[in-house]
Protein backbone atom coordinates (compact mmCIF):
# COMPACT_ATOMS: atom_id res chain seq x y z
CA UNK A 1 89.24 97.52 75.40
CA UNK A 2 89.46 97.71 79.18
CA UNK A 3 86.48 98.68 81.30
CA UNK A 4 86.97 102.36 82.06
CA UNK A 5 85.77 104.18 85.13
CA UNK A 6 84.84 107.79 84.74
CA UNK A 7 86.69 109.93 87.26
CA UNK A 8 89.93 109.99 89.22
CA UNK A 9 90.62 112.62 91.85
CA UNK A 10 94.22 113.00 92.93
CA UNK A 11 94.46 111.78 96.55
CA UNK A 12 97.57 113.97 96.94
CA UNK A 13 99.72 111.07 98.00
CA UNK A 14 103.47 111.05 97.48
CA UNK A 15 106.09 108.30 97.25
CA UNK A 16 106.66 108.69 100.97
CA UNK A 17 103.08 107.63 101.73
CA UNK A 18 103.79 104.13 100.37
CA UNK A 19 107.04 103.39 102.23
CA UNK A 20 105.34 101.56 105.13
CA UNK A 21 105.52 98.28 103.21
CA UNK A 22 107.73 97.65 100.20
CA UNK A 23 107.67 94.38 98.30
CA UNK A 24 111.13 93.38 97.02
CA UNK A 25 112.91 90.39 95.51
CA UNK A 26 114.73 88.44 98.23
CA UNK A 27 118.52 88.35 97.70
CA UNK A 28 118.64 84.87 99.25
CA UNK A 29 115.96 82.90 97.42
CA UNK A 30 114.58 85.26 94.77
CA UNK A 31 111.01 85.11 96.10
CA UNK A 32 108.89 88.01 97.33
CA UNK A 33 110.15 89.63 100.53
CA UNK A 34 109.01 92.68 102.46
CA UNK A 35 110.71 95.78 103.80
CA UNK A 36 108.79 96.96 106.86
CA UNK A 37 109.45 99.28 109.80
CA UNK A 38 111.46 97.47 112.45
CA UNK A 39 109.35 96.71 115.54
CA UNK A 40 112.20 97.61 117.90
CA UNK A 41 112.15 101.18 116.56
CA UNK A 42 108.41 101.82 116.98
CA UNK A 43 108.87 104.13 119.99
CA UNK A 44 111.68 106.16 118.44
CA UNK A 45 111.01 109.76 117.53
CA UNK A 46 111.78 111.45 114.27
CA UNK A 47 110.28 111.11 110.85
CA UNK A 48 108.79 107.70 110.00
CA UNK A 49 110.73 107.62 106.72
CA UNK A 50 114.07 107.47 108.55
CA UNK A 51 113.18 104.85 111.15
CA UNK A 52 114.89 101.46 111.13
CA UNK A 53 113.66 99.04 108.46
CA UNK A 54 113.66 95.27 108.45
CA UNK A 55 113.89 93.03 105.39
CA UNK A 56 111.87 89.85 105.98
CA UNK A 57 111.51 86.89 103.62
CA UNK A 58 109.02 84.14 104.43
CA UNK A 59 110.50 81.90 101.75
CA UNK A 60 114.01 81.44 103.15
CA UNK A 61 113.73 83.15 106.55
CA UNK A 62 116.17 85.93 105.69
CA UNK A 63 115.98 88.90 108.03
CA UNK A 64 118.13 92.02 107.94
CA UNK A 65 117.95 95.38 109.67
CA UNK A 66 118.92 98.51 107.80
CA UNK A 67 121.12 101.02 109.54
CA UNK A 68 121.85 104.49 108.28
CA UNK A 69 119.77 107.50 107.44
CA UNK A 70 120.25 107.89 103.70
CA UNK A 71 117.66 106.89 101.12
CA UNK A 72 118.22 106.24 97.41
CA UNK A 73 115.09 106.59 95.30
CA UNK A 74 114.96 105.20 91.77
CA UNK A 75 115.71 108.00 89.30
CA UNK A 76 113.11 107.13 86.68
CA UNK A 77 111.64 104.42 84.50
CA UNK A 78 114.57 103.77 82.17
CA UNK A 79 115.93 101.01 84.42
CA UNK A 80 114.51 98.56 86.97
CA UNK A 81 113.46 100.22 90.24
CA UNK A 82 114.93 99.40 93.65
CA UNK A 83 113.71 100.02 97.15
CA UNK A 84 115.20 103.13 98.82
CA UNK A 85 116.41 101.33 101.96
CA UNK A 86 118.26 98.17 100.91
CA UNK A 87 118.62 98.82 97.17
CA UNK A 88 116.90 95.54 96.28
CA UNK A 89 114.82 95.18 93.10
CA UNK A 90 111.11 95.78 93.57
CA UNK A 91 108.78 92.81 93.20
CA UNK A 92 105.96 94.81 91.62
CA UNK A 93 107.59 95.93 88.38
CA UNK A 94 107.45 95.09 84.73
CA UNK A 95 109.24 96.37 81.65
CA UNK A 96 107.08 97.83 78.91
CA UNK A 97 108.18 99.19 75.54
CA UNK A 98 108.16 102.70 77.04
CA UNK A 99 110.00 101.97 80.28
CA UNK A 100 109.61 100.24 83.62
CA UNK A 101 106.26 100.33 85.39
CA UNK A 102 106.76 99.81 89.12
CA UNK A 103 105.09 100.19 92.52
CA UNK A 104 106.22 99.77 96.11
CA UNK A 105 103.09 97.88 97.24
CA UNK A 106 99.54 97.08 96.20
CA UNK A 107 98.14 100.41 97.41
CA UNK A 108 100.70 102.23 95.26
CA UNK A 109 99.82 100.04 92.28
CA UNK A 110 96.11 100.68 92.90
CA UNK A 111 96.57 104.46 92.71
CA UNK A 112 98.40 104.09 89.40
CA UNK A 113 95.72 101.69 88.13
CA UNK A 114 92.85 104.00 89.05
CA UNK A 115 94.64 106.96 87.44
CA UNK A 116 95.39 105.16 84.17
CA UNK A 117 91.93 103.64 83.97
CA UNK A 118 90.06 106.93 84.41
CA UNK A 119 88.91 108.96 81.44
CA UNK A 120 88.56 112.11 83.57
CA UNK A 121 91.57 112.90 85.77
CA UNK A 122 91.15 115.73 88.26
CA UNK A 123 93.83 117.51 90.22
CA UNK A 124 93.24 119.58 93.31
CA UNK A 125 92.46 123.26 92.64
CA UNK A 126 95.54 125.46 92.18
CA UNK A 127 94.53 127.69 95.09
CA UNK A 128 94.17 124.79 97.51
CA UNK A 129 97.09 124.59 99.91
CA UNK A 130 99.16 121.47 100.24
CA UNK A 131 101.35 119.21 98.19
CA UNK A 132 101.48 120.27 94.53
CA UNK A 133 103.85 117.64 93.09
CA UNK A 134 101.99 114.52 94.08
CA UNK A 135 102.67 110.96 92.99
CA UNK A 136 100.23 111.34 90.11
CA UNK A 137 101.79 114.62 88.99
CA UNK A 138 105.23 112.97 88.91
CA UNK A 139 104.22 110.00 86.78
CA UNK A 140 106.09 109.81 83.47
CA UNK A 141 104.33 111.22 80.41
CA UNK A 142 104.06 107.79 78.76
CA UNK A 143 101.92 106.57 81.68
CA UNK A 144 99.69 109.65 81.50
CA UNK A 145 98.99 109.36 77.76
CA UNK A 146 95.58 107.96 76.91
CA UNK A 147 96.95 106.13 73.86
CA UNK A 148 99.03 103.91 76.19
CA UNK A 149 96.11 103.15 78.53
CA UNK A 150 95.41 99.58 77.36
CA UNK A 151 99.07 98.59 77.38
CA UNK A 152 99.62 99.93 80.90
CA UNK A 153 96.46 98.28 82.22
CA UNK A 154 97.67 94.96 80.76
CA UNK A 155 101.04 95.47 82.46
CA UNK A 156 99.32 96.17 85.78
CA UNK A 157 97.29 92.98 85.45
CA UNK A 158 100.51 91.04 84.73
CA UNK A 159 102.06 92.52 87.86
CA UNK A 160 99.01 91.36 89.86
CA UNK A 161 99.41 87.91 88.32
CA UNK A 162 103.03 87.80 89.52
CA UNK A 163 101.72 88.01 93.08
CA UNK A 164 99.65 84.87 92.58
CA UNK A 165 102.69 83.03 91.23
CA UNK A 166 104.85 84.08 94.21
């Protein structure tokens, strides 16, 4: 049985809060690559989500800049997840018997880990203003179920282990 912490309070983060760094599988060499905001677009106005993005791989030196303003988010957990900018498979993902468990980066994975690990999961009060459908609220039911806790925590630890192998 995994060591359980007592309480998780929803930080009210959304998918958009984790788009600053996305770990993907490099199309050139298959190693871990990163999708980051392009430095040449740092002074541009507009929403940070739609700024230019750069794909950078330290393994093979691949570098691409994304143009365009459309994003394609992964529809669910029935199939492998891709990043919304280049459409490349995410590095931090693993198939379980219920579906695919995935995260954009380590901070995203940490929020999921803390949520799954907690025995008491608190949401913000209903009368509090702000985002109601947070990342935690949008997690699939199979991740939220306590009976799947150990399996999901093992999957998260395997995803962490994949970083060490990269």
